[in-house]
Amino acid sequence: MKILYGVQGTGNGHVTRARIMAKAFAAKGVSVDWVFSGRPREDFFDMQAFGEFQSYRGLTFAVKSGRILYLKTALQANLMQLNDDIKKVNVEGYDLIINDFEPVSAHAAKRAGKKVIGISHQNSFLHKIPKKNNNLVTDWFMQNFAPVTQPIGLHWHHFNQPILPPLIEPSQYENQSLAKHYLVYLPFADLEDILPQLRAFPSYQFFIYQNVPQPVDDGHIHIRPFSREGFQQDLHKCEGVICSAGFELPSEAIQLGKKLLVQPVAGQMEQASNAFALSQLGYGTATNELSEAIIGRWLPLPKPAPVIYPDVSAALVDWILDTGGKNFESFQQSLWRNVKNEVAFSKNANAR
């Protein structure tokens, strides 16, 4: 079987999820051609799992100090380039096309009338899940940014909807949880937006991952350049995580039983909704402002119990290869039955 797989490359979470699926497909000896868009090719890292992948500009957001700049986003969008890139993607000759919220290959497949299985967290927003700040525009965006014929959503809870648990790579590190060690990952914030608050807590060690050329250690502040291996090691050592309200990192933290303090990117419905869901489920603390007072109240909180999700990637690959995307309901139910310490579904965890 030959597969074309499109991945939104704007955030590292999509690439992480794709890397997990790449390993699962490789374990089955399946050939996959990868398409990434959303940032320059040279800005991707740790891409060995994808071989000679295709890369396109695609569409992305302009962000400053954690806030989406919609006017700048519109001005920097090159729709003519997007149209040219869509024409360049060859979707013929594939047994299956899969998409993780990637617009170039999704629209190429739509133009060619091809069936596409969409596997992404964004697809969960097509259903009745906890949402915040959504409107007609955001709902239209989720449906049309990267259109697919069979959307499959991923989330921390099923919310009585056709949704799968998150994809989390099996860990090769010991989950140590060292006291007062904290991981900080706020990719849309500048260092000057983070450091003043963290310096107020000198008895805690903060490991901050940012786009810097080399590591910097300044007392209890440890600034680290992006590195998948280094990041994973610090994640497994820490007792808590301060991060944006994305999906992949909170998923890993939930499974490892790490405390979570999330700050959604201002103006981004998806992250606002993720923060809302984490609070409803009791999986983390959400704040719109990363103030010294908020951090001070959060740091002494106890650690939560881990929520152990099954190996969704391996199950997904088996299901895709065996059925071609059929019998989804029974497949979905079997996965949720294997979640350990899953929160009981109640009105507090229902969609609003």
Protein backbone atom coordinates (compact mmCIF):
# COMPACT_ATOMS: atom_id res chain seq x y z
CA MET A 1 0.00 0.00 0.00
CA LYS A 2 1.21 3.50 -0.91
CA ILE A 3 0.05 6.45 1.19
CA LEU A 4 0.24 10.24 0.85
CA TYR A 5 0.21 12.00 4.23
CA GLY A 6 -0.18 15.80 4.57
CA VAL A 7 0.87 17.52 7.81
CA GLN A 8 0.38 21.10 9.01
CA GLY A 9 3.86 22.22 10.04
CA THR A 10 3.04 25.51 11.75
CA GLY A 11 3.36 23.99 15.23
CA ASN A 12 5.66 21.26 16.47
CA GLY A 13 2.65 19.30 17.77
CA HIS A 14 1.49 18.32 14.28
CA VAL A 15 5.00 17.19 13.37
CA THR A 16 5.26 15.20 16.59
CA ARG A 17 1.98 13.44 15.81
CA ALA A 18 3.18 12.73 12.26
CA ARG A 19 6.43 11.29 13.61
CA ILE A 20 4.44 8.90 15.79
CA MET A 21 2.37 7.78 12.81
CA ALA A 22 5.48 7.46 10.62
CA LYS A 23 6.99 4.98 13.06
CA ALA A 24 3.72 3.04 13.24
CA PHE A 25 3.51 2.78 9.43
CA ALA A 26 7.20 1.86 9.17
CA ALA A 27 6.64 -0.98 11.64
CA LYS A 28 4.13 -2.40 9.13
CA GLY A 29 6.42 -1.85 6.15
CA VAL A 30 4.06 0.67 4.55
CA SER A 31 5.41 3.27 2.10
CA VAL A 32 4.39 6.85 2.98
CA ASP A 33 5.10 10.08 1.07
CA TRP A 34 4.98 13.14 3.35
CA VAL A 35 3.83 16.69 2.56
CA PHE A 36 4.47 19.51 5.09
CA SER A 37 3.46 23.16 4.91
CA GLY A 38 3.23 26.18 7.18
CA ARG A 39 6.88 27.18 7.71
CA PRO A 40 10.14 27.31 5.76
CA ARG A 41 11.76 23.94 5.12
CA GLU A 42 14.92 24.95 7.00
CA ASP A 43 12.89 25.61 10.17
CA PHE A 44 11.87 21.95 10.52
CA PHE A 45 14.08 19.77 12.72
CA ASP A 46 14.33 16.07 13.65
CA MET A 47 12.72 15.10 10.33
CA GLN A 48 14.62 11.87 9.66
CA ALA A 49 11.47 9.77 10.02
CA PHE A 50 9.95 11.38 6.90
CA GLY A 51 12.66 10.74 4.33
CA GLU A 52 12.56 13.06 1.28
CA PHE A 53 9.45 14.95 2.32
CA GLN A 54 7.77 17.66 0.24
CA SER A 55 7.54 21.16 1.72
CA TYR A 56 5.29 24.09 0.76
CA ARG A 57 4.58 27.53 2.16
CA GLY A 58 0.91 26.80 2.88
CA LEU A 59 -0.94 29.05 5.34
CA THR A 60 0.03 30.13 8.83
CA PHE A 61 -0.70 32.79 11.47
CA ALA A 62 1.30 35.89 12.34
CA VAL A 63 1.75 35.97 16.13
CA LYS A 64 3.43 38.48 18.47
CA SER A 65 3.72 38.13 22.24
CA GLY A 66 1.16 35.35 22.27
CA ARG A 67 -1.53 37.19 20.27
CA ILE A 68 -2.65 36.40 16.73
CA LEU A 69 -2.30 39.40 14.42
CA TYR A 70 -5.17 38.88 11.99
CA LEU A 71 -4.40 41.84 9.71
CA LYS A 72 -0.76 40.80 9.33
CA THR A 73 -1.91 37.21 8.80
CA ALA A 74 -4.15 38.31 5.94
CA LEU A 75 -1.47 40.54 4.43
CA GLN A 76 1.21 37.85 4.43
CA ALA A 77 -1.06 35.18 2.96
CA ASN A 78 -0.03 34.50 -0.62
CA LEU A 79 -3.11 32.95 -2.19
CA MET A 80 -1.54 32.79 -5.65
CA GLN A 81 1.40 30.84 -4.23
CA LEU A 82 -1.03 28.58 -2.35
CA ASN A 83 -2.91 27.86 -5.57
CA ASP A 84 0.36 27.09 -7.39
CA ASP A 85 1.45 24.76 -4.58
CA ILE A 86 -1.88 22.91 -4.68
CA LYS A 87 -1.34 22.29 -8.39
CA LYS A 88 2.14 20.89 -7.72
CA VAL A 89 0.99 18.15 -5.34
CA ASN A 90 0.43 14.92 -7.23
CA VAL A 91 -2.33 12.94 -5.52
CA GLU A 92 -2.55 10.24 -8.20
CA GLY A 93 -1.30 6.69 -7.74
CA TYR A 94 -1.93 6.47 -4.00
CA ASP A 95 -3.99 3.77 -2.32
CA LEU A 96 -4.85 6.13 0.52
CA ILE A 97 -4.53 9.83 1.38
CA ILE A 98 -4.33 10.95 5.02
CA ASN A 99 -4.27 14.51 6.27
CA ASP A 100 -3.43 16.26 9.54
CA PHE A 101 -4.95 19.71 8.99
CA GLU A 102 -2.61 20.44 6.06
CA PRO A 103 -4.27 22.69 3.43
CA VAL A 104 -2.08 22.16 0.33
CA SER A 105 -2.48 18.40 -0.08
CA ALA A 106 -6.05 18.51 1.28
CA HIS A 107 -7.22 20.94 -1.40
CA ALA A 108 -5.22 19.08 -4.07
CA ALA A 109 -7.06 15.89 -3.15
CA LYS A 110 -10.41 17.70 -3.07
CA ARG A 111 -9.86 19.08 -6.57
CA ALA A 112 -9.03 15.58 -7.79
CA GLY A 113 -12.11 14.08 -6.10
CA LYS A 114 -10.05 11.80 -3.85
CA LYS A 115 -11.12 10.28 -0.55
CA VAL A 116 -9.11 11.68 2.37
CA ILE A 117 -9.02 10.44 5.96
CA GLY A 118 -8.36 13.40 8.24
CA ILE A 119 -6.70 12.62 11.58
CA SER A 120 -6.24 15.71 13.73
CA HIS A 121 -7.19 17.40 16.96
CA GLN A 122 -8.85 20.14 14.88
CA ASN A 123 -11.38 17.63 13.53
CA SER A 124 -12.76 17.18 17.05
CA PHE A 125 -14.13 20.75 16.75
CA LEU A 126 -16.56 19.51 14.11
CA HIS A 127 -18.43 17.84 16.99
CA LYS A 128 -20.11 18.92 20.24
CA ILE A 129 -17.09 19.31 22.52
CA PRO A 130 -16.19 22.06 25.02
CA LYS A 131 -15.63 25.21 22.96
CA LYS A 132 -14.84 28.78 23.86
CA ASN A 133 -14.83 31.89 21.67
CA ASN A 134 -16.03 29.98 18.63
CA ASN A 135 -18.28 31.68 16.08
CA LEU A 136 -19.42 31.26 12.49
CA VAL A 137 -16.00 32.29 11.20
CA THR A 138 -14.03 29.82 13.35
CA ASP A 139 -16.52 27.04 12.61
CA TRP A 140 -16.16 27.70 8.86
CA PHE A 141 -12.39 27.75 9.21
CA MET A 142 -12.28 24.35 10.93
CA GLN A 143 -14.41 22.84 8.17
CA ASN A 144 -12.65 24.40 5.17
CA PHE A 145 -8.99 25.08 6.03
CA ALA A 146 -7.99 21.49 5.18
CA PRO A 147 -11.14 19.70 3.92
CA VAL A 148 -11.31 15.90 4.15
CA THR A 149 -13.97 13.32 3.36
CA GLN A 150 -13.64 11.33 6.61
CA PRO A 151 -12.69 13.57 9.55
CA ILE A 152 -11.40 11.82 12.69
CA GLY A 153 -10.92 13.99 15.77
CA LEU A 154 -8.51 13.44 18.66
CA HIS A 155 -9.11 14.68 22.21
CA TRP A 156 -8.45 13.96 25.89
CA HIS A 157 -12.03 12.74 26.39
CA HIS A 158 -14.67 11.40 24.03
CA PHE A 159 -17.44 13.79 25.22
CA ASN A 160 -19.89 11.17 23.85
CA GLN A 161 -18.76 12.10 20.33
CA PRO A 162 -17.00 10.10 17.55
CA ILE A 163 -13.53 11.08 18.77
CA LEU A 164 -10.35 9.07 19.46
CA PRO A 165 -7.86 9.44 22.33
CA PRO A 166 -4.65 11.38 21.63
CA LEU A 167 -1.63 9.92 19.85
CA ILE A 168 1.22 9.67 22.35
CA GLU A 169 4.56 8.13 21.50
CA PRO A 170 5.62 5.30 23.83
CA SER A 171 8.23 6.72 26.19
CA GLN A 172 11.83 5.56 26.38
CA TYR A 173 12.62 7.65 29.47
CA GLU A 174 11.96 7.04 33.14
CA ASN A 175 9.22 9.26 34.56
CA GLN A 176 11.17 10.72 37.50
CA SER A 177 9.21 13.84 38.55
CA LEU A 178 12.03 15.67 40.34
CA ALA A 179 10.76 18.08 43.02
CA LYS A 180 10.62 21.74 41.96
CA HIS A 181 11.75 21.02 38.38
CA TYR A 182 9.50 22.63 35.77
CA LEU A 183 9.38 22.61 31.98
CA VAL A 184 8.33 25.83 30.24
CA TYR A 185 7.30 25.85 26.57
CA LEU A 186 5.57 28.99 25.30
CA PRO A 187 6.66 29.16 21.64
CA PHE A 188 4.53 32.21 20.77
CA ALA A 189 5.87 34.32 23.65
CA ASP A 190 9.16 36.19 23.82
CA LEU A 191 11.64 35.53 26.62
CA GLU A 192 11.02 38.98 28.10
CA ASP A 193 7.35 37.96 28.48
CA ILE A 194 8.34 34.91 30.56
CA LEU A 195 11.51 35.53 32.55
CA PRO A 196 10.41 38.30 34.97
CA GLN A 197 7.68 36.14 36.49
CA LEU A 198 9.86 33.04 36.77
CA ARG A 199 12.74 34.91 38.43
CA ALA A 200 10.41 35.53 41.38
CA PHE A 201 10.66 31.83 42.37
CA PRO A 202 14.40 31.13 42.91
CA SER A 203 13.79 27.87 44.77
CA TYR A 204 12.32 26.32 41.60
CA GLN A 205 14.28 25.20 38.53
CA PHE A 206 12.75 26.29 35.21
CA PHE A 207 13.83 24.71 31.92
CA ILE A 208 12.63 27.02 29.15
CA TYR A 209 12.65 25.89 25.51
CA GLN A 210 12.95 28.75 23.02
CA ASN A 211 14.37 29.47 19.60
CA VAL A 212 17.89 30.26 20.84
CA PRO A 213 21.24 29.23 19.31
CA GLN A 214 22.74 27.66 22.46
CA PRO A 215 21.83 26.79 26.06
CA VAL A 216 22.00 29.47 28.75
CA ASP A 217 22.06 28.80 32.50
CA ASP A 218 21.41 31.73 34.83
CA GLY A 219 20.84 30.55 38.37
CA HIS A 220 17.51 28.72 38.48
CA ILE A 221 16.70 29.76 34.89
CA HIS A 222 17.80 27.30 32.19
CA ILE A 223 17.12 28.35 28.59
CA ARG A 224 17.40 25.57 26.02
CA PRO A 225 17.34 25.50 22.19
CA PHE A 226 14.76 23.30 20.50
CA SER A 227 15.72 19.62 20.72
CA ARG A 228 13.35 16.69 20.67
CA GLU A 229 15.59 14.52 22.84
CA GLY A 230 16.46 17.24 25.34
CA PHE A 231 12.83 18.30 25.58
CA GLN A 232 11.66 14.76 26.27
CA GLN A 233 14.28 14.26 28.95
CA ASP A 234 13.27 17.45 30.75
CA LEU A 235 9.57 16.57 30.37
CA HIS A 236 10.12 13.23 32.06
CA LYS A 237 12.19 14.78 34.88
CA CYS A 238 9.87 17.67 35.75
CA GLU A 239 6.91 17.69 38.13
CA GLY A 240 4.99 20.29 36.16
CA VAL A 241 4.66 21.99 32.77
CA ILE A 242 3.91 25.61 31.90
CA CYS A 243 2.88 25.79 28.25
CA SER A 244 0.48 27.15 25.69
CA ALA A 245 -2.87 25.40 25.36
CA GLY A 246 -1.96 23.26 22.39
CA PHE A 247 -2.78 19.58 22.26
CA GLU A 248 0.28 17.31 22.00
CA LEU A 249 2.34 18.55 24.96
CA PRO A 250 -0.64 18.63 27.36
CA SER A 251 -1.51 15.11 26.16
CA GLU A 252 1.97 13.87 27.11
CA ALA A 253 1.82 15.70 30.43
CA ILE A 254 -1.58 14.20 31.26
CA GLN A 255 -0.33 10.68 30.57
CA LEU A 256 2.82 11.26 32.66
CA GLY A 257 0.86 12.73 35.56
CA LYS A 258 2.47 16.18 35.36
CA LYS A 259 0.88 19.34 36.69
CA LEU A 260 -0.28 21.64 33.90
CA LEU A 261 -0.51 25.43 33.75
CA VAL A 262 -1.64 26.50 30.28
CA GLN A 263 -1.90 29.93 28.70
CA PRO A 264 -3.91 29.90 25.45
CA VAL A 265 -2.63 32.00 22.57
CA ALA A 266 -4.76 35.13 22.63
CA GLY A 267 -7.36 35.22 19.88
CA GLN A 268 -7.05 31.53 19.00
CA MET A 269 -10.33 29.68 19.51
CA GLU A 270 -8.71 26.25 19.46
CA GLN A 271 -6.37 27.04 22.34
CA ALA A 272 -9.07 28.83 24.34
CA SER A 273 -11.25 25.74 23.95
CA ASN A 274 -8.39 23.42 24.93
CA ALA A 275 -7.80 25.44 28.10
CA PHE A 276 -11.54 25.31 28.83
CA ALA A 277 -11.61 21.52 28.34
CA LEU A 278 -8.56 20.96 30.55
CA SER A 279 -10.23 22.92 33.34
CA GLN A 280 -13.52 21.06 32.96
CA LEU A 281 -11.81 17.68 33.01
CA GLY A 282 -9.62 18.61 35.97
CA TYR A 283 -6.46 17.92 33.96
CA GLY A 284 -4.87 21.36 34.36
CA THR A 285 -5.06 25.01 35.34
CA ALA A 286 -5.75 27.65 32.69
CA THR A 287 -4.87 31.35 32.74
CA ASN A 288 -5.08 34.14 30.19
CA GLU A 289 -2.28 36.03 31.94
CA LEU A 290 0.92 34.34 33.10
CA SER A 291 1.33 36.53 36.18
CA GLU A 292 3.57 36.01 39.19
CA ALA A 293 0.47 35.59 41.38
CA ILE A 294 -1.00 32.85 39.16
CA ILE A 295 2.30 30.96 39.03
CA GLY A 296 2.72 31.31 42.80
CA ARG A 297 -0.69 29.77 43.49
CA TRP A 298 -0.13 26.94 41.00
CA LEU A 299 3.37 25.78 41.95
CA PRO A 300 2.39 24.24 45.35
CA LEU A 301 -0.57 22.31 43.91
CA PRO A 302 -0.36 18.50 44.14
CA LYS A 303 0.36 16.34 41.11
CA PRO A 304 -2.61 14.69 39.35
CA ALA A 305 -2.97 10.98 38.75
CA PRO A 306 -1.75 9.88 35.30
CA VAL A 307 -4.29 9.09 32.59
CA ILE A 308 -2.91 6.19 30.56
CA TYR A 309 -4.02 6.16 26.93
CA PRO A 310 -3.61 3.11 24.66
CA ASP A 311 -1.21 3.00 21.69
CA VAL A 312 -3.58 4.84 19.35
CA SER A 313 -1.08 5.13 16.47
CA ALA A 314 -0.55 1.37 16.19
CA ALA A 315 -4.29 0.76 16.47
CA LEU A 316 -5.02 3.42 13.85
CA VAL A 317 -2.56 1.94 11.37
CA ASP A 318 -4.02 -1.55 11.85
CA TRP A 319 -7.57 -0.22 11.46
CA ILE A 320 -6.68 1.76 8.31
CA LEU A 321 -4.84 -1.14 6.69
CA ASP A 322 -7.49 -3.72 7.66
CA THR A 323 -10.67 -1.75 6.89
CA GLY A 324 -9.68 1.29 4.80
CA GLY A 325 -11.54 3.47 7.30
CA LYS A 326 -14.69 1.41 7.90
CA ASN A 327 -16.42 0.35 11.16
CA PHE A 328 -15.21 3.46 12.97
CA GLU A 329 -17.67 3.31 15.88
CA SER A 330 -16.59 -0.11 17.14
CA PHE A 331 -12.94 0.84 16.66
CA GLN A 332 -13.41 4.05 18.65
CA GLN A 333 -15.21 2.33 21.51
CA SER A 334 -12.51 -0.32 21.83
CA LEU A 335 -9.84 2.37 22.30
CA TRP A 336 -11.71 4.29 25.00
CA ARG A 337 -12.35 1.05 26.90
CA ASN A 338 -8.57 0.72 27.23
CA VAL A 339 -8.03 4.16 28.78
CA LYS A 340 -6.96 3.84 32.43
CA ASN A 341 -8.04 6.38 35.07
CA GLU A 342 -10.24 8.12 32.48
CA VAL A 343 -12.48 10.75 34.10
CA ALA A 344 -16.11 9.78 34.49
CA PHE A 345 -18.26 11.49 31.89
CA SER A 346 -20.61 13.94 33.56
CA LYS A 347 -22.38 17.21 32.94
CA ASN A 348 -19.18 18.97 34.07
CA ALA A 349 -17.28 17.31 31.21
CA ASN A 350 -19.98 17.82 28.63
CA ALA A 351 -19.85 20.23 25.74
CA ARG A 352 -21.09 23.76 26.24
